[in-house]
Amino acid sequence: MDSCIDKQTGYDILNPFPHQPPAPPRMHLKDFMHQIWADCKTMLDELKYEKLTRKHQFKDVVPVDVVAVMKQQIECLAKEEALLKKDANLKKEFKDIFKPIPHADMLLTDVYAKICLK
């Protein structure tokens, strides 16, 4: 037996609707604003306390090592130059693949597809 329905009310005794608790009552605007102001006051008190307790915890900024930065930049430029040379060599080696594509106006219009079957 999957269900037991009362004929007068249509209530299914074996499969009742889940009972949901009533929604909590809505807060009045005045009470809501008081709660927001209290939360803001608490937050400001926390921030002031944190500011006072962490006053001298930060370390001084380390000055930039100019020589190391210049070395890194030179290495980066050298690698870029090497890659450009390899790019030029590959394009020269496979120039039939890397030839420029003609403009659409210069393409043939009578051949739309060429399908080769074996």
N, C-alpha and C. Protein backbone atom coordinates (compact mmCIF):
# COMPACT_ATOMS: atom_id res chain seq x y z
N MET A 1 0.85 -1.16 0.00
CA MET A 1 0.00 0.00 0.00
C MET A 1 0.91 1.24 0.00
N ASP A 2 0.77 2.07 -1.02
CA ASP A 2 1.62 3.23 -1.17
C ASP A 2 1.01 4.49 -0.57
N SER A 3 -0.29 4.51 -0.47
CA SER A 3 -0.91 5.73 0.05
C SER A 3 -2.21 5.38 0.75
N CYS A 4 -2.60 6.28 1.61
CA CYS A 4 -3.87 6.14 2.32
C CYS A 4 -4.47 7.55 2.37
N ILE A 5 -5.38 7.82 1.44
CA ILE A 5 -5.92 9.17 1.26
C ILE A 5 -7.34 9.23 1.82
N ASP A 6 -7.55 10.23 2.66
CA ASP A 6 -8.88 10.48 3.20
C ASP A 6 -9.76 11.05 2.10
N LYS A 7 -10.94 10.49 1.89
CA LYS A 7 -11.80 10.90 0.79
C LYS A 7 -12.42 12.28 1.02
N GLN A 8 -12.63 12.65 2.26
CA GLN A 8 -13.26 13.94 2.53
C GLN A 8 -12.28 15.10 2.40
N THR A 9 -11.06 14.94 2.93
CA THR A 9 -10.10 16.06 2.93
C THR A 9 -9.04 15.93 1.85
N GLY A 10 -8.80 14.73 1.33
CA GLY A 10 -7.76 14.52 0.34
C GLY A 10 -6.37 14.46 0.95
N TYR A 11 -6.28 14.27 2.27
CA TYR A 11 -4.99 14.24 2.98
C TYR A 11 -4.43 12.82 2.91
N ASP A 12 -3.19 12.69 2.50
CA ASP A 12 -2.51 11.39 2.42
C ASP A 12 -1.84 11.13 3.76
N ILE A 13 -2.34 10.12 4.47
CA ILE A 13 -1.83 9.84 5.82
C ILE A 13 -0.43 9.23 5.76
N LEU A 14 -0.16 8.38 4.79
CA LEU A 14 1.15 7.71 4.71
C LEU A 14 2.24 8.61 4.14
N ASN A 15 1.88 9.57 3.32
CA ASN A 15 2.87 10.48 2.71
C ASN A 15 2.47 11.93 2.99
N PRO A 16 2.59 12.36 4.22
CA PRO A 16 2.18 13.73 4.52
C PRO A 16 3.20 14.73 3.99
N PHE A 17 2.74 15.95 3.82
CA PHE A 17 3.65 17.01 3.40
C PHE A 17 4.64 17.27 4.53
N PRO A 18 5.89 17.54 4.20
CA PRO A 18 6.85 17.83 5.27
C PRO A 18 6.47 19.13 5.98
N HIS A 19 6.52 19.07 7.28
CA HIS A 19 6.14 20.24 8.07
C HIS A 19 7.30 21.22 8.10
N GLN A 20 7.05 22.42 7.66
CA GLN A 20 8.07 23.45 7.67
C GLN A 20 7.80 24.39 8.84
N PRO A 21 8.86 24.74 9.55
CA PRO A 21 8.65 25.66 10.66
C PRO A 21 8.23 27.03 10.12
N PRO A 22 7.48 27.76 10.87
CA PRO A 22 7.04 29.07 10.39
C PRO A 22 8.24 30.01 10.23
N ALA A 23 8.12 30.91 9.30
CA ALA A 23 9.20 31.87 9.06
C ALA A 23 9.35 32.77 10.27
N PRO A 24 10.59 33.14 10.59
CA PRO A 24 10.77 34.03 11.74
C PRO A 24 10.12 35.38 11.46
N PRO A 25 9.62 36.03 12.48
CA PRO A 25 8.95 37.31 12.25
C PRO A 25 9.95 38.35 11.74
N ARG A 26 9.47 39.20 10.87
CA ARG A 26 10.33 40.24 10.30
C ARG A 26 10.63 41.29 11.35
N MET A 27 11.85 41.79 11.27
CA MET A 27 12.29 42.80 12.21
C MET A 27 11.74 44.17 11.80
N HIS A 28 11.41 44.98 12.76
CA HIS A 28 10.99 46.34 12.46
C HIS A 28 12.21 47.12 11.98
N LEU A 29 11.95 48.11 11.16
CA LEU A 29 13.04 48.90 10.59
C LEU A 29 13.89 49.55 11.68
N LYS A 30 13.24 50.06 12.72
CA LYS A 30 13.96 50.72 13.81
C LYS A 30 14.92 49.73 14.50
N ASP A 31 14.43 48.52 14.78
CA ASP A 31 15.27 47.51 15.42
C ASP A 31 16.40 47.08 14.49
N PHE A 32 16.10 46.98 13.20
CA PHE A 32 17.12 46.59 12.23
C PHE A 32 18.24 47.63 12.17
N MET A 33 17.87 48.91 12.16
CA MET A 33 18.88 49.96 12.13
C MET A 33 19.71 49.98 13.41
N HIS A 34 19.08 49.73 14.56
CA HIS A 34 19.84 49.65 15.82
C HIS A 34 20.85 48.51 15.77
N GLN A 35 20.46 47.39 15.18
CA GLN A 35 21.38 46.25 15.07
C GLN A 35 22.55 46.60 14.15
N ILE A 36 22.28 47.28 13.05
CA ILE A 36 23.35 47.67 12.12
C ILE A 36 24.33 48.61 12.81
N TRP A 37 23.80 49.60 13.54
CA TRP A 37 24.69 50.55 14.24
C TRP A 37 25.51 49.85 15.30
N ALA A 38 24.91 48.89 16.00
CA ALA A 38 25.66 48.14 17.01
C ALA A 38 26.77 47.32 16.36
N ASP A 39 26.47 46.70 15.20
CA ASP A 39 27.50 45.94 14.49
C ASP A 39 28.62 46.84 14.00
N CYS A 40 28.28 48.03 13.52
CA CYS A 40 29.31 48.97 13.06
C CYS A 40 30.19 49.42 14.21
N LYS A 41 29.58 49.67 15.36
CA LYS A 41 30.36 50.09 16.54
C LYS A 41 31.32 48.98 16.95
N THR A 42 30.84 47.75 16.96
CA THR A 42 31.70 46.61 17.31
C THR A 42 32.84 46.48 16.32
N MET A 43 32.55 46.63 15.03
CA MET A 43 33.58 46.52 14.01
C MET A 43 34.63 47.61 14.18
N LEU A 44 34.21 48.85 14.44
CA LEU A 44 35.16 49.94 14.63
C LEU A 44 36.02 49.72 15.87
N ASP A 45 35.42 49.20 16.94
CA ASP A 45 36.20 48.90 18.14
C ASP A 45 37.27 47.85 17.83
N GLU A 46 36.91 46.82 17.06
CA GLU A 46 37.89 45.79 16.68
C GLU A 46 39.01 46.38 15.84
N LEU A 47 38.65 47.23 14.88
CA LEU A 47 39.67 47.84 14.03
C LEU A 47 40.62 48.72 14.83
N LYS A 48 40.08 49.51 15.76
CA LYS A 48 40.93 50.35 16.60
C LYS A 48 41.87 49.50 17.44
N TYR A 49 41.36 48.40 17.99
CA TYR A 49 42.19 47.52 18.80
C TYR A 49 43.30 46.90 17.95
N GLU A 50 42.95 46.42 16.75
CA GLU A 50 43.95 45.82 15.86
C GLU A 50 45.01 46.85 15.46
N LYS A 51 44.58 48.07 15.22
CA LYS A 51 45.53 49.11 14.83
C LYS A 51 46.52 49.39 15.96
N LEU A 52 46.04 49.41 17.19
CA LEU A 52 46.92 49.67 18.33
C LEU A 52 47.87 48.50 18.60
N THR A 53 47.39 47.28 18.44
CA THR A 53 48.23 46.13 18.77
C THR A 53 49.22 45.79 17.67
N ARG A 54 48.93 46.13 16.44
CA ARG A 54 49.82 45.78 15.32
C ARG A 54 50.58 47.00 14.81
N LYS A 55 50.91 47.89 15.66
CA LYS A 55 51.50 49.15 15.23
C LYS A 55 52.87 48.97 14.58
N HIS A 56 53.73 48.15 15.17
CA HIS A 56 55.11 48.02 14.68
C HIS A 56 55.41 46.61 14.19
N GLN A 57 54.46 45.92 13.61
CA GLN A 57 54.70 44.55 13.15
C GLN A 57 55.15 44.49 11.70
N PHE A 58 55.08 45.56 10.97
CA PHE A 58 55.43 45.51 9.56
C PHE A 58 56.93 45.72 9.38
N LYS A 59 57.51 45.00 8.44
CA LYS A 59 58.94 45.12 8.15
C LYS A 59 59.17 46.24 7.15
N ASP A 60 60.38 46.76 7.16
CA ASP A 60 60.73 47.79 6.21
C ASP A 60 60.83 47.19 4.81
N VAL A 61 60.54 47.98 3.81
CA VAL A 61 60.61 47.52 2.43
C VAL A 61 62.07 47.41 2.02
N VAL A 62 62.42 46.27 1.43
CA VAL A 62 63.79 46.05 0.99
C VAL A 62 64.02 46.87 -0.28
N PRO A 63 65.12 47.60 -0.36
CA PRO A 63 65.37 48.38 -1.59
C PRO A 63 65.60 47.45 -2.78
N VAL A 64 65.29 47.94 -3.96
CA VAL A 64 65.40 47.15 -5.18
C VAL A 64 66.87 46.95 -5.53
N ASP A 65 67.24 45.72 -5.88
CA ASP A 65 68.60 45.42 -6.31
C ASP A 65 68.67 45.70 -7.81
N VAL A 66 69.24 46.85 -8.16
CA VAL A 66 69.25 47.32 -9.54
C VAL A 66 70.05 46.38 -10.43
N VAL A 67 71.18 45.88 -9.94
CA VAL A 67 72.03 45.00 -10.75
C VAL A 67 71.29 43.71 -11.09
N ALA A 68 70.59 43.15 -10.12
CA ALA A 68 69.85 41.90 -10.37
C ALA A 68 68.72 42.14 -11.37
N VAL A 69 68.05 43.26 -11.27
CA VAL A 69 66.96 43.56 -12.19
C VAL A 69 67.50 43.73 -13.61
N MET A 70 68.65 44.43 -13.74
CA MET A 70 69.26 44.61 -15.06
C MET A 70 69.70 43.27 -15.64
N LYS A 71 70.28 42.40 -14.80
CA LYS A 71 70.71 41.08 -15.27
C LYS A 71 69.51 40.28 -15.77
N GLN A 72 68.42 40.31 -15.01
CA GLN A 72 67.22 39.57 -15.40
C GLN A 72 66.66 40.12 -16.71
N GLN A 73 66.66 41.42 -16.88
CA GLN A 73 66.14 42.01 -18.11
C GLN A 73 67.02 41.66 -19.31
N ILE A 74 68.35 41.65 -19.11
CA ILE A 74 69.27 41.28 -20.20
C ILE A 74 69.06 39.83 -20.61
N GLU A 75 68.89 38.94 -19.61
CA GLU A 75 68.63 37.53 -19.92
C GLU A 75 67.32 37.37 -20.69
N CYS A 76 66.32 38.12 -20.29
CA CYS A 76 65.02 38.06 -20.97
C CYS A 76 65.15 38.52 -22.42
N LEU A 77 65.88 39.60 -22.64
CA LEU A 77 66.07 40.10 -24.00
C LEU A 77 66.88 39.11 -24.84
N ALA A 78 67.89 38.45 -24.23
CA ALA A 78 68.70 37.46 -24.96
C ALA A 78 67.83 36.27 -25.38
N LYS A 79 66.97 35.81 -24.47
CA LYS A 79 66.09 34.69 -24.80
C LYS A 79 65.11 35.08 -25.91
N GLU A 80 64.61 36.31 -25.85
CA GLU A 80 63.69 36.78 -26.88
C GLU A 80 64.39 36.84 -28.24
N GLU A 81 65.63 37.30 -28.26
CA GLU A 81 66.38 37.36 -29.51
C GLU A 81 66.64 35.97 -30.07
N ALA A 82 66.97 35.01 -29.18
CA ALA A 82 67.20 33.64 -29.64
C ALA A 82 65.92 33.04 -30.23
N LEU A 83 64.79 33.33 -29.59
CA LEU A 83 63.52 32.82 -30.11
C LEU A 83 63.18 33.45 -31.46
N LEU A 84 63.47 34.73 -31.63
CA LEU A 84 63.22 35.37 -32.92
C LEU A 84 64.08 34.76 -34.02
N LYS A 85 65.33 34.41 -33.70
CA LYS A 85 66.21 33.76 -34.68
C LYS A 85 65.66 32.38 -35.06
N LYS A 86 65.22 31.62 -34.05
CA LYS A 86 64.65 30.30 -34.33
C LYS A 86 63.39 30.43 -35.17
N ASP A 87 62.59 31.46 -34.89
CA ASP A 87 61.38 31.71 -35.66
C ASP A 87 61.71 31.99 -37.12
N ALA A 88 62.72 32.82 -37.35
CA ALA A 88 63.12 33.16 -38.72
C ALA A 88 63.65 31.91 -39.44
N ASN A 89 64.44 31.09 -38.74
CA ASN A 89 64.98 29.87 -39.36
C ASN A 89 63.86 28.89 -39.73
N LEU A 90 62.88 28.74 -38.83
CA LEU A 90 61.76 27.84 -39.13
C LEU A 90 60.94 28.35 -40.31
N LYS A 91 60.71 29.65 -40.36
CA LYS A 91 59.94 30.21 -41.47
C LYS A 91 60.69 30.07 -42.78
N LYS A 92 62.02 30.16 -42.72
CA LYS A 92 62.83 30.00 -43.94
C LYS A 92 62.81 28.53 -44.37
N GLU A 93 62.90 27.62 -43.41
CA GLU A 93 62.93 26.18 -43.72
C GLU A 93 61.59 25.72 -44.29
N PHE A 94 60.51 26.21 -43.73
CA PHE A 94 59.18 25.80 -44.17
C PHE A 94 58.45 26.98 -44.83
N LYS A 95 59.11 27.63 -45.79
CA LYS A 95 58.53 28.83 -46.39
C LYS A 95 57.29 28.53 -47.22
N ASP A 96 57.17 27.30 -47.75
CA ASP A 96 55.97 26.98 -48.51
C ASP A 96 54.73 26.90 -47.61
N ILE A 97 54.91 26.60 -46.33
CA ILE A 97 53.79 26.55 -45.39
C ILE A 97 53.45 27.95 -44.88
N PHE A 98 54.48 28.77 -44.69
CA PHE A 98 54.28 30.09 -44.08
C PHE A 98 54.11 31.22 -45.09
N LYS A 99 53.81 30.90 -46.35
CA LYS A 99 53.60 31.99 -47.31
C LYS A 99 52.29 32.70 -46.96
N PRO A 100 52.21 34.00 -47.25
CA PRO A 100 51.03 34.76 -46.84
C PRO A 100 49.77 34.31 -47.57
N ILE A 101 48.65 34.39 -46.87
CA ILE A 101 47.36 34.00 -47.43
C ILE A 101 46.85 35.17 -48.28
N PRO A 102 46.41 34.91 -49.52
CA PRO A 102 45.92 36.00 -50.36
C PRO A 102 44.60 36.56 -49.82
N HIS A 103 44.31 37.77 -50.24
CA HIS A 103 43.07 38.42 -49.84
C HIS A 103 41.88 37.67 -50.45
N ALA A 104 40.73 37.77 -49.82
CA ALA A 104 39.54 37.04 -50.28
C ALA A 104 39.12 37.46 -51.69
N ASP A 105 39.39 38.70 -52.07
CA ASP A 105 39.03 39.15 -53.41
C ASP A 105 39.90 38.49 -54.48
N MET A 106 41.09 38.04 -54.11
CA MET A 106 42.01 37.44 -55.07
C MET A 106 41.85 35.92 -55.19
N LEU A 107 41.01 35.32 -54.34
CA LEU A 107 40.80 33.88 -54.39
C LEU A 107 39.88 33.51 -55.56
N LEU A 108 39.97 32.26 -55.99
CA LEU A 108 39.11 31.78 -57.06
C LEU A 108 37.67 31.66 -56.55
N THR A 109 36.73 31.95 -57.41
CA THR A 109 35.33 31.86 -57.00
C THR A 109 34.61 30.68 -57.62
N ASP A 110 35.19 30.04 -58.62
CA ASP A 110 34.50 28.93 -59.27
C ASP A 110 34.76 27.60 -58.58
N VAL A 111 35.76 27.51 -57.73
CA VAL A 111 36.06 26.26 -57.00
C VAL A 111 35.80 26.54 -55.51
N TYR A 112 34.82 25.85 -54.97
CA TYR A 112 34.50 26.05 -53.58
C TYR A 112 35.12 24.98 -52.68
N ALA A 113 35.27 23.76 -53.18
CA ALA A 113 35.86 22.68 -52.41
C ALA A 113 36.48 21.67 -53.36
N LYS A 114 37.56 21.10 -52.94
CA LYS A 114 38.20 20.06 -53.73
C LYS A 114 38.34 18.85 -52.83
N ILE A 115 37.60 17.80 -53.15
CA ILE A 115 37.61 16.59 -52.33
C ILE A 115 38.25 15.47 -53.14
N CYS A 116 39.31 14.94 -52.58
CA CYS A 116 40.03 13.83 -53.25
C CYS A 116 39.65 12.52 -52.57
N LEU A 117 39.09 11.58 -53.35
CA LEU A 117 38.75 10.28 -52.81
C LEU A 117 39.80 9.27 -53.23
N LYS A 118 40.05 8.29 -52.40
CA LYS A 118 41.03 7.26 -52.72
C LYS A 118 40.41 6.18 -53.55
